[in-house]
Full PDB file with SEQRES, HELIX, SHEET, SSBOND, CRYST1, ORIGX, SCALE, CONECT and MASTER records, all heavy atoms in Angstrom:
SEQRES   1 A   33  ALA TYR ALA ILE ASP ARG PHE ALA ASN ASP LEU LEU PRO          
SEQRES   2 A   33  VAL ALA ASP ASN LEU ARG ARG ALA ILE GLU ALA VAL PRO          
SEQRES   3 A   33  ALA ASP ALA ARG SER GLN GLU                                  
HELIX    1 AA1 ASP A    5  ALA A   24  1                                  20    
HELIX    2 AA2 ALA A   27  SER A   31  5                                   5    
CRYST1    1.000    1.000    1.000  90.00  90.00  90.00 P 1           1          
ORIGX1      1.000000  0.000000  0.000000        0.00000                         
ORIGX2      0.000000  1.000000  0.000000        0.00000                         
ORIGX3      0.000000  0.000000  1.000000        0.00000                         
SCALE1      1.000000  0.000000  0.000000        0.00000                         
SCALE2      0.000000  1.000000  0.000000        0.00000                         
SCALE3      0.000000  0.000000  1.000000        0.00000                         
ATOM      1  N   ALA A   1      21.396  -1.778  14.166  1.00  0.00           N  
ATOM      2  CA  ALA A   1      20.858  -2.575  13.062  1.00  0.00           C  
ATOM      3  C   ALA A   1      19.337  -2.656  13.099  1.00  0.00           C  
ATOM      4  O   ALA A   1      18.685  -2.680  12.053  1.00  0.00           O  
ATOM      5  CB  ALA A   1      21.452  -3.976  13.091  1.00  0.00           C  
ATOM      6  N   TYR A   2      18.761  -2.699  14.317  1.00  0.00           N  
ATOM      7  CA  TYR A   2      17.317  -2.905  14.432  1.00  0.00           C  
ATOM      8  C   TYR A   2      16.599  -1.679  14.979  1.00  0.00           C  
ATOM      9  O   TYR A   2      15.513  -1.780  15.552  1.00  0.00           O  
ATOM     10  CB  TYR A   2      17.045  -4.116  15.328  1.00  0.00           C  
ATOM     11  CG  TYR A   2      17.794  -5.353  14.887  1.00  0.00           C  
ATOM     12  CD1 TYR A   2      18.732  -5.968  15.711  1.00  0.00           C  
ATOM     13  CD2 TYR A   2      17.585  -5.891  13.623  1.00  0.00           C  
ATOM     14  CE1 TYR A   2      19.426  -7.088  15.293  1.00  0.00           C  
ATOM     15  CE2 TYR A   2      18.279  -7.014  13.191  1.00  0.00           C  
ATOM     16  CZ  TYR A   2      19.199  -7.608  14.035  1.00  0.00           C  
ATOM     17  OH  TYR A   2      19.892  -8.713  13.613  1.00  0.00           O  
ATOM     18  N   ALA A   3      17.194  -0.521  14.781  1.00  0.00           N  
ATOM     19  CA  ALA A   3      16.587   0.709  15.303  1.00  0.00           C  
ATOM     20  C   ALA A   3      15.250   1.000  14.639  1.00  0.00           C  
ATOM     21  O   ALA A   3      14.364   1.608  15.249  1.00  0.00           O  
ATOM     22  CB  ALA A   3      17.542   1.891  15.111  1.00  0.00           C  
ATOM     23  N   ILE A   4      15.089   0.577  13.367  1.00  0.00           N  
ATOM     24  CA  ILE A   4      13.852   0.883  12.639  1.00  0.00           C  
ATOM     25  C   ILE A   4      12.866  -0.281  12.693  1.00  0.00           C  
ATOM     26  O   ILE A   4      11.934  -0.350  11.888  1.00  0.00           O  
ATOM     27  CB  ILE A   4      14.161   1.240  11.173  1.00  0.00           C  
ATOM     28  CG1 ILE A   4      14.763   0.035  10.436  1.00  0.00           C  
ATOM     29  CG2 ILE A   4      15.083   2.440  11.085  1.00  0.00           C  
ATOM     30  CD1 ILE A   4      14.855   0.227   8.942  1.00  0.00           C  
ATOM     31  N   ASP A   5      13.049  -1.195  13.623  1.00  0.00           N  
ATOM     32  CA  ASP A   5      12.189  -2.379  13.705  1.00  0.00           C  
ATOM     33  C   ASP A   5      10.713  -1.981  13.813  1.00  0.00           C  
ATOM     34  O   ASP A   5       9.869  -2.431  13.027  1.00  0.00           O  
ATOM     35  CB  ASP A   5      12.604  -3.220  14.914  1.00  0.00           C  
ATOM     36  CG  ASP A   5      11.973  -4.600  14.890  1.00  0.00           C  
ATOM     37  OD1 ASP A   5      10.970  -4.779  14.185  1.00  0.00           O  
ATOM     38  OD2 ASP A   5      12.473  -5.502  15.582  1.00  0.00           O  
ATOM     39  N   ARG A   6      10.390  -1.144  14.776  1.00  0.00           N  
ATOM     40  CA  ARG A   6       8.988  -0.751  14.974  1.00  0.00           C  
ATOM     41  C   ARG A   6       8.484   0.073  13.794  1.00  0.00           C  
ATOM     42  O   ARG A   6       7.348  -0.107  13.332  1.00  0.00           O  
ATOM     43  CB  ARG A   6       8.861   0.052  16.273  1.00  0.00           C  
ATOM     44  CG  ARG A   6       7.435   0.438  16.623  1.00  0.00           C  
ATOM     45  CD  ARG A   6       7.370   1.142  17.969  1.00  0.00           C  
ATOM     46  NE  ARG A   6       7.874   0.283  19.036  1.00  0.00           N  
ATOM     47  CZ  ARG A   6       7.976   0.671  20.306  1.00  0.00           C  
ATOM     48  NH1 ARG A   6       7.647   1.904  20.657  1.00  0.00           N  
ATOM     49  NH2 ARG A   6       8.436  -0.163  21.221  1.00  0.00           N  
ATOM     50  N   PHE A   7       9.327   0.954  13.285  1.00  0.00           N  
ATOM     51  CA  PHE A   7       8.934   1.779  12.138  1.00  0.00           C  
ATOM     52  C   PHE A   7       8.671   0.898  10.920  1.00  0.00           C  
ATOM     53  O   PHE A   7       7.717   1.123  10.158  1.00  0.00           O  
ATOM     54  CB  PHE A   7      10.044   2.786  11.835  1.00  0.00           C  
ATOM     55  CG  PHE A   7       9.775   3.665  10.648  1.00  0.00           C  
ATOM     56  CD1 PHE A   7       8.741   4.583  10.660  1.00  0.00           C  
ATOM     57  CD2 PHE A   7      10.568   3.567   9.514  1.00  0.00           C  
ATOM     58  CE1 PHE A   7       8.491   5.397   9.565  1.00  0.00           C  
ATOM     59  CE2 PHE A   7      10.336   4.375   8.415  1.00  0.00           C  
ATOM     60  CZ  PHE A   7       9.290   5.294   8.445  1.00  0.00           C  
ATOM     61  N   ALA A   8       9.519  -0.130  10.723  1.00  0.00           N  
ATOM     62  CA  ALA A   8       9.334  -1.042   9.593  1.00  0.00           C  
ATOM     63  C   ALA A   8       8.018  -1.791   9.714  1.00  0.00           C  
ATOM     64  O   ALA A   8       7.283  -1.959   8.731  1.00  0.00           O  
ATOM     65  CB  ALA A   8      10.506  -2.021   9.516  1.00  0.00           C  
ATOM     66  N   ASN A   9       7.697  -2.247  10.917  1.00  0.00           N  
ATOM     67  CA  ASN A   9       6.430  -2.942  11.127  1.00  0.00           C  
ATOM     68  C   ASN A   9       5.238  -2.050  10.799  1.00  0.00           C  
ATOM     69  O   ASN A   9       4.216  -2.528  10.293  1.00  0.00           O  
ATOM     70  CB  ASN A   9       6.333  -3.441  12.570  1.00  0.00           C  
ATOM     71  CG  ASN A   9       6.952  -4.813  12.754  1.00  0.00           C  
ATOM     72  OD1 ASN A   9       6.546  -5.770  12.104  1.00  0.00           O  
ATOM     73  ND2 ASN A   9       7.945  -4.914  13.615  1.00  0.00           N  
ATOM     74  N   ASP A  10       5.355  -0.761  11.085  1.00  0.00           N  
ATOM     75  CA  ASP A  10       4.264   0.159  10.779  1.00  0.00           C  
ATOM     76  C   ASP A  10       4.113   0.387   9.276  1.00  0.00           C  
ATOM     77  O   ASP A  10       3.009   0.679   8.788  1.00  0.00           O  
ATOM     78  CB  ASP A  10       4.494   1.499  11.483  1.00  0.00           C  
ATOM     79  CG  ASP A  10       4.356   1.387  12.996  1.00  0.00           C  
ATOM     80  OD1 ASP A  10       3.737   0.402  13.461  1.00  0.00           O  
ATOM     81  OD2 ASP A  10       4.893   2.259  13.714  1.00  0.00           O  
ATOM     82  N   LEU A  11       5.210   0.253   8.523  1.00  0.00           N  
ATOM     83  CA  LEU A  11       5.160   0.494   7.084  1.00  0.00           C  
ATOM     84  C   LEU A  11       4.768  -0.735   6.278  1.00  0.00           C  
ATOM     85  O   LEU A  11       4.343  -0.607   5.131  1.00  0.00           O  
ATOM     86  CB  LEU A  11       6.516   0.999   6.583  1.00  0.00           C  
ATOM     87  CG  LEU A  11       6.823   2.483   6.813  1.00  0.00           C  
ATOM     88  CD1 LEU A  11       8.186   2.814   6.236  1.00  0.00           C  
ATOM     89  CD2 LEU A  11       5.761   3.365   6.172  1.00  0.00           C  
ATOM     90  N   LEU A  12       4.913  -1.916   6.841  1.00  0.00           N  
ATOM     91  CA  LEU A  12       4.627  -3.124   6.083  1.00  0.00           C  
ATOM     92  C   LEU A  12       3.186  -3.189   5.579  1.00  0.00           C  
ATOM     93  O   LEU A  12       2.951  -3.623   4.444  1.00  0.00           O  
ATOM     94  CB  LEU A  12       4.956  -4.361   6.925  1.00  0.00           C  
ATOM     95  CG  LEU A  12       6.438  -4.581   7.228  1.00  0.00           C  
ATOM     96  CD1 LEU A  12       6.643  -5.887   7.973  1.00  0.00           C  
ATOM     97  CD2 LEU A  12       7.269  -4.556   5.959  1.00  0.00           C  
ATOM     98  N   PRO A  13       2.180  -2.779   6.352  1.00  0.00           N  
ATOM     99  CA  PRO A  13       0.814  -2.786   5.806  1.00  0.00           C  
ATOM    100  C   PRO A  13       0.656  -1.889   4.580  1.00  0.00           C  
ATOM    101  O   PRO A  13      -0.160  -2.186   3.694  1.00  0.00           O  
ATOM    102  CB  PRO A  13      -0.037  -2.271   6.982  1.00  0.00           C  
ATOM    103  CG  PRO A  13       0.746  -2.639   8.195  1.00  0.00           C  
ATOM    104  CD  PRO A  13       2.166  -2.468   7.801  1.00  0.00           C  
ATOM    105  N   VAL A  14       1.427  -0.810   4.506  1.00  0.00           N  
ATOM    106  CA  VAL A  14       1.373   0.053   3.320  1.00  0.00           C  
ATOM    107  C   VAL A  14       1.860  -0.719   2.101  1.00  0.00           C  
ATOM    108  O   VAL A  14       1.246  -0.692   1.022  1.00  0.00           O  
ATOM    109  CB  VAL A  14       2.213   1.321   3.543  1.00  0.00           C  
ATOM    110  CG1 VAL A  14       2.175   2.213   2.306  1.00  0.00           C  
ATOM    111  CG2 VAL A  14       1.729   2.084   4.767  1.00  0.00           C  
ATOM    112  N   ALA A  15       2.973  -1.425   2.253  1.00  0.00           N  
ATOM    113  CA  ALA A  15       3.483  -2.245   1.151  1.00  0.00           C  
ATOM    114  C   ALA A  15       2.491  -3.337   0.782  1.00  0.00           C  
ATOM    115  O   ALA A  15       2.304  -3.643  -0.407  1.00  0.00           O  
ATOM    116  CB  ALA A  15       4.828  -2.861   1.546  1.00  0.00           C  
ATOM    117  N   ASP A  16       1.830  -3.938   1.792  1.00  0.00           N  
ATOM    118  CA  ASP A  16       0.833  -4.971   1.510  1.00  0.00           C  
ATOM    119  C   ASP A  16      -0.314  -4.409   0.674  1.00  0.00           C  
ATOM    120  O   ASP A  16      -0.769  -5.031  -0.287  1.00  0.00           O  
ATOM    121  CB  ASP A  16       0.282  -5.538   2.821  1.00  0.00           C  
ATOM    122  CG  ASP A  16       1.341  -6.283   3.619  1.00  0.00           C  
ATOM    123  OD1 ASP A  16       2.338  -6.723   3.020  1.00  0.00           O  
ATOM    124  OD2 ASP A  16       1.158  -6.418   4.840  1.00  0.00           O  
ATOM    125  N   ASN A  17      -0.803  -3.229   1.030  1.00  0.00           N  
ATOM    126  CA  ASN A  17      -1.936  -2.637   0.312  1.00  0.00           C  
ATOM    127  C   ASN A  17      -1.558  -2.258  -1.117  1.00  0.00           C  
ATOM    128  O   ASN A  17      -2.374  -2.386  -2.038  1.00  0.00           O  
ATOM    129  CB  ASN A  17      -2.462  -1.415   1.070  1.00  0.00           C  
ATOM    130  CG  ASN A  17      -3.154  -1.812   2.368  1.00  0.00           C  
ATOM    131  OD1 ASN A  17      -3.703  -2.903   2.472  1.00  0.00           O  
ATOM    132  ND2 ASN A  17      -3.113  -0.928   3.356  1.00  0.00           N  
ATOM    133  N   LEU A  18      -0.343  -1.800  -1.314  1.00  0.00           N  
ATOM    134  CA  LEU A  18       0.106  -1.505  -2.679  1.00  0.00           C  
ATOM    135  C   LEU A  18       0.128  -2.777  -3.524  1.00  0.00           C  
ATOM    136  O   LEU A  18      -0.307  -2.778  -4.681  1.00  0.00           O  
ATOM    137  CB  LEU A  18       1.497  -0.866  -2.652  1.00  0.00           C  
ATOM    138  CG  LEU A  18       1.578   0.565  -2.117  1.00  0.00           C  
ATOM    139  CD1 LEU A  18       3.033   0.997  -1.998  1.00  0.00           C  
ATOM    140  CD2 LEU A  18       0.819   1.529  -3.024  1.00  0.00           C  
ATOM    141  N   ARG A  19       0.620  -3.867  -2.950  1.00  0.00           N  
ATOM    142  CA  ARG A  19       0.657  -5.125  -3.687  1.00  0.00           C  
ATOM    143  C   ARG A  19      -0.754  -5.629  -3.983  1.00  0.00           C  
ATOM    144  O   ARG A  19      -1.043  -6.110  -5.087  1.00  0.00           O  
ATOM    145  CB  ARG A  19       1.455  -6.148  -2.858  1.00  0.00           C  
ATOM    146  CG  ARG A  19       1.501  -7.571  -3.381  1.00  0.00           C  
ATOM    147  CD  ARG A  19       1.810  -7.750  -4.834  1.00  0.00           C  
ATOM    148  NE  ARG A  19       2.857  -6.889  -5.360  1.00  0.00           N  
ATOM    149  CZ  ARG A  19       3.190  -6.831  -6.639  1.00  0.00           C  
ATOM    150  NH1 ARG A  19       2.524  -7.555  -7.531  1.00  0.00           N  
ATOM    151  NH2 ARG A  19       4.151  -6.032  -7.043  1.00  0.00           N  
ATOM    152  N   ARG A  20      -1.653  -5.511  -3.019  1.00  0.00           N  
ATOM    153  CA  ARG A  20      -3.040  -5.948  -3.247  1.00  0.00           C  
ATOM    154  C   ARG A  20      -3.696  -5.121  -4.344  1.00  0.00           C  
ATOM    155  O   ARG A  20      -4.460  -5.649  -5.163  1.00  0.00           O  
ATOM    156  CB  ARG A  20      -3.840  -5.835  -1.950  1.00  0.00           C  
ATOM    157  CG  ARG A  20      -3.406  -6.795  -0.850  1.00  0.00           C  
ATOM    158  CD  ARG A  20      -4.360  -6.785   0.319  1.00  0.00           C  
ATOM    159  NE  ARG A  20      -3.871  -7.573   1.434  1.00  0.00           N  
ATOM    160  CZ  ARG A  20      -3.330  -7.069   2.523  1.00  0.00           C  
ATOM    161  NH1 ARG A  20      -3.213  -5.747   2.657  1.00  0.00           N  
ATOM    162  NH2 ARG A  20      -2.907  -7.852   3.491  1.00  0.00           N  
ATOM    163  N   ALA A  21      -3.419  -3.817  -4.361  1.00  0.00           N  
ATOM    164  CA  ALA A  21      -4.001  -2.959  -5.395  1.00  0.00           C  
ATOM    165  C   ALA A  21      -3.508  -3.362  -6.776  1.00  0.00           C  
ATOM    166  O   ALA A  21      -4.279  -3.391  -7.743  1.00  0.00           O  
ATOM    167  CB  ALA A  21      -3.655  -1.502  -5.107  1.00  0.00           C  
ATOM    168  N   ILE A  22      -2.233  -3.710  -6.880  1.00  0.00           N  
ATOM    169  CA  ILE A  22      -1.675  -4.124  -8.175  1.00  0.00           C  
ATOM    170  C   ILE A  22      -2.271  -5.450  -8.618  1.00  0.00           C  
ATOM    171  O   ILE A  22      -2.657  -5.634  -9.783  1.00  0.00           O  
ATOM    172  CB  ILE A  22      -0.143  -4.205  -8.077  1.00  0.00           C  
ATOM    173  CG1 ILE A  22       0.444  -2.810  -7.827  1.00  0.00           C  
ATOM    174  CG2 ILE A  22       0.459  -4.836  -9.328  1.00  0.00           C  
ATOM    175  CD1 ILE A  22       1.922  -2.813  -7.504  1.00  0.00           C  
ATOM    176  N   GLU A  23      -2.373  -6.391  -7.689  1.00  0.00           N  
ATOM    177  CA  GLU A  23      -2.875  -7.716  -8.043  1.00  0.00           C  
ATOM    178  C   GLU A  23      -4.376  -7.709  -8.307  1.00  0.00           C  
ATOM    179  O   GLU A  23      -4.903  -8.630  -8.948  1.00  0.00           O  
ATOM    180  CB  GLU A  23      -2.539  -8.707  -6.922  1.00  0.00           C  
ATOM    181  CG  GLU A  23      -1.045  -8.981  -6.781  1.00  0.00           C  
ATOM    182  CD  GLU A  23      -0.737  -9.891  -5.616  1.00  0.00           C  
ATOM    183  OE1 GLU A  23      -1.658 -10.133  -4.793  1.00  0.00           O  
ATOM    184  OE2 GLU A  23       0.418 -10.363  -5.522  1.00  0.00           O  
ATOM    185  N   ALA A  24      -5.082  -6.701  -7.794  1.00  0.00           N  
ATOM    186  CA  ALA A  24      -6.534  -6.653  -7.985  1.00  0.00           C  
ATOM    187  C   ALA A  24      -6.930  -6.239  -9.394  1.00  0.00           C  
ATOM    188  O   ALA A  24      -8.079  -6.432  -9.796  1.00  0.00           O  
ATOM    189  CB  ALA A  24      -7.153  -5.691  -6.972  1.00  0.00           C  
ATOM    190  N   VAL A  25      -6.016  -5.663 -10.177  1.00  0.00           N  
ATOM    191  CA  VAL A  25      -6.322  -5.207 -11.535  1.00  0.00           C  
ATOM    192  C   VAL A  25      -6.130  -6.364 -12.500  1.00  0.00           C  
ATOM    193  O   VAL A  25      -5.026  -6.897 -12.613  1.00  0.00           O  
ATOM    194  CB  VAL A  25      -5.424  -4.020 -11.921  1.00  0.00           C  
ATOM    195  CG1 VAL A  25      -5.723  -3.568 -13.345  1.00  0.00           C  
ATOM    196  CG2 VAL A  25      -5.623  -2.869 -10.949  1.00  0.00           C  
ATOM    197  N   PRO A  26      -7.185  -6.769 -13.212  1.00  0.00           N  
ATOM    198  CA  PRO A  26      -7.030  -7.857 -14.190  1.00  0.00           C  
ATOM    199  C   PRO A  26      -6.077  -7.455 -15.309  1.00  0.00           C  
ATOM    200  O   PRO A  26      -5.908  -6.272 -15.612  1.00  0.00           O  
ATOM    201  CB  PRO A  26      -8.463  -8.068 -14.718  1.00  0.00           C  
ATOM    202  CG  PRO A  26      -9.351  -7.421 -13.716  1.00  0.00           C  
ATOM    203  CD  PRO A  26      -8.566  -6.292 -13.124  1.00  0.00           C  
ATOM    204  N   ALA A  27      -5.476  -8.443 -15.921  1.00  0.00           N  
ATOM    205  CA  ALA A  27      -4.505  -8.169 -16.981  1.00  0.00           C  
ATOM    206  C   ALA A  27      -5.150  -7.474 -18.168  1.00  0.00           C  
ATOM    207  O   ALA A  27      -4.562  -6.571 -18.774  1.00  0.00           O  
ATOM    208  CB  ALA A  27      -3.845  -9.470 -17.422  1.00  0.00           C  
ATOM    209  N   ASP A  28      -6.409  -7.850 -18.484  1.00  0.00           N  
ATOM    210  CA  ASP A  28      -7.056  -7.230 -19.638  1.00  0.00           C  
ATOM    211  C   ASP A  28      -7.470  -5.791 -19.373  1.00  0.00           C  
ATOM    212  O   ASP A  28      -7.735  -5.032 -20.311  1.00  0.00           O  
ATOM    213  CB  ASP A  28      -8.271  -8.055 -20.074  1.00  0.00           C  
ATOM    214  CG  ASP A  28      -9.260  -8.275 -18.927  1.00  0.00           C  
ATOM    215  OD1 ASP A  28      -8.985  -7.783 -17.808  1.00  0.00           O  
ATOM    216  OD2 ASP A  28     -10.285  -8.949 -19.153  1.00  0.00           O  
ATOM    217  N   ALA A  29      -7.509  -5.386 -18.094  1.00  0.00           N  
ATOM    218  CA  ALA A  29      -7.902  -4.013 -17.784  1.00  0.00           C  
ATOM    219  C   ALA A  29      -6.794  -3.015 -18.089  1.00  0.00           C  
ATOM    220  O   ALA A  29      -7.032  -1.802 -18.108  1.00  0.00           O  
ATOM    221  CB  ALA A  29      -8.296  -3.913 -16.307  1.00  0.00           C  
ATOM    222  N   ARG A  30      -5.587  -3.494 -18.303  1.00  0.00           N  
ATOM    223  CA  ARG A  30      -4.480  -2.589 -18.621  1.00  0.00           C  
ATOM    224  C   ARG A  30      -4.671  -1.905 -19.973  1.00  0.00           C  
ATOM    225  O   ARG A  30      -3.986  -0.933 -20.275  1.00  0.00           O  
ATOM    226  CB  ARG A  30      -3.158  -3.349 -18.618  1.00  0.00           C  
ATOM    227  CG  ARG A  30      -2.644  -3.678 -17.226  1.00  0.00           C  
ATOM    228  CD  ARG A  30      -1.313  -4.389 -17.299  1.00  0.00           C  
ATOM    229  NE  ARG A  30      -0.722  -4.572 -15.984  1.00  0.00           N  
ATOM    230  CZ  ARG A  30       0.104  -3.707 -15.411  1.00  0.00           C  
ATOM    231  NH1 ARG A  30       0.430  -2.584 -16.044  1.00  0.00           N  
ATOM    232  NH2 ARG A  30       0.610  -3.931 -14.206  1.00  0.00           N  
ATOM    233  N   SER A  31      -5.579  -2.436 -20.769  1.00  0.00           N  
ATOM    234  CA  SER A  31      -5.844  -1.790 -22.057  1.00  0.00           C  
ATOM    235  C   SER A  31      -6.512  -0.432 -21.894  1.00  0.00           C  
ATOM    236  O   SER A  31      -6.463   0.399 -22.800  1.00  0.00           O  
ATOM    237  CB  SER A  31      -6.719  -2.704 -22.927  1.00  0.00           C  
ATOM    238  OG  SER A  31      -7.958  -2.981 -22.266  1.00  0.00           O  
ATOM    239  N   GLN A  32      -7.088  -0.205 -20.732  1.00  0.00           N  
ATOM    240  CA  GLN A  32      -7.690   1.107 -20.455  1.00  0.00           C  
ATOM    241  C   GLN A  32      -6.580   2.065 -20.020  1.00  0.00           C  
ATOM    242  O   GLN A  32      -5.907   1.839 -19.022  1.00  0.00           O  
ATOM    243  CB  GLN A  32      -8.758   0.992 -19.360  1.00  0.00           C  
ATOM    244  CG  GLN A  32      -9.872  -0.005 -19.690  1.00  0.00           C  
ATOM    245  CD  GLN A  32     -10.863  -0.142 -18.568  1.00  0.00           C  
ATOM    246  OE1 GLN A  32     -11.001   0.759 -17.737  1.00  0.00           O  
ATOM    247  NE2 GLN A  32     -11.585  -1.267 -18.534  1.00  0.00           N  
ATOM    248  N   GLU A  33      -6.442   3.112 -20.786  1.00  0.00           N  
ATOM    249  CA  GLU A  33      -5.292   3.996 -20.584  1.00  0.00           C  
ATOM    250  C   GLU A  33      -5.265   4.618 -19.198  1.00  0.00           C  
ATOM    251  O   GLU A  33      -4.229   4.647 -18.529  1.00  0.00           O  
ATOM    252  CB  GLU A  33      -5.308   5.100 -21.652  1.00  0.00           C  
ATOM    253  CG  GLU A  33      -4.103   6.024 -21.562  1.00  0.00           C  
ATOM    254  CD  GLU A  33      -4.103   7.058 -22.670  1.00  0.00           C  
ATOM    255  OE1 GLU A  33      -4.975   6.995 -23.548  1.00  0.00           O  
ATOM    256  OE2 GLU A  33      -3.216   7.931 -22.631  1.00  0.00           O  
TER     257      GLU A  33                                                      
MASTER        0    0    0    2    0    0    0    6  256    1    0    3          
END                                                                             
């Protein structure tokens, strides 16, 4: 069940950075194609 524990911990910062990139874009900037 926990074989990927260390691998998951290594991937979590990638997910964090993707979320930060999405949240960093203002809503009005989506009008730019």
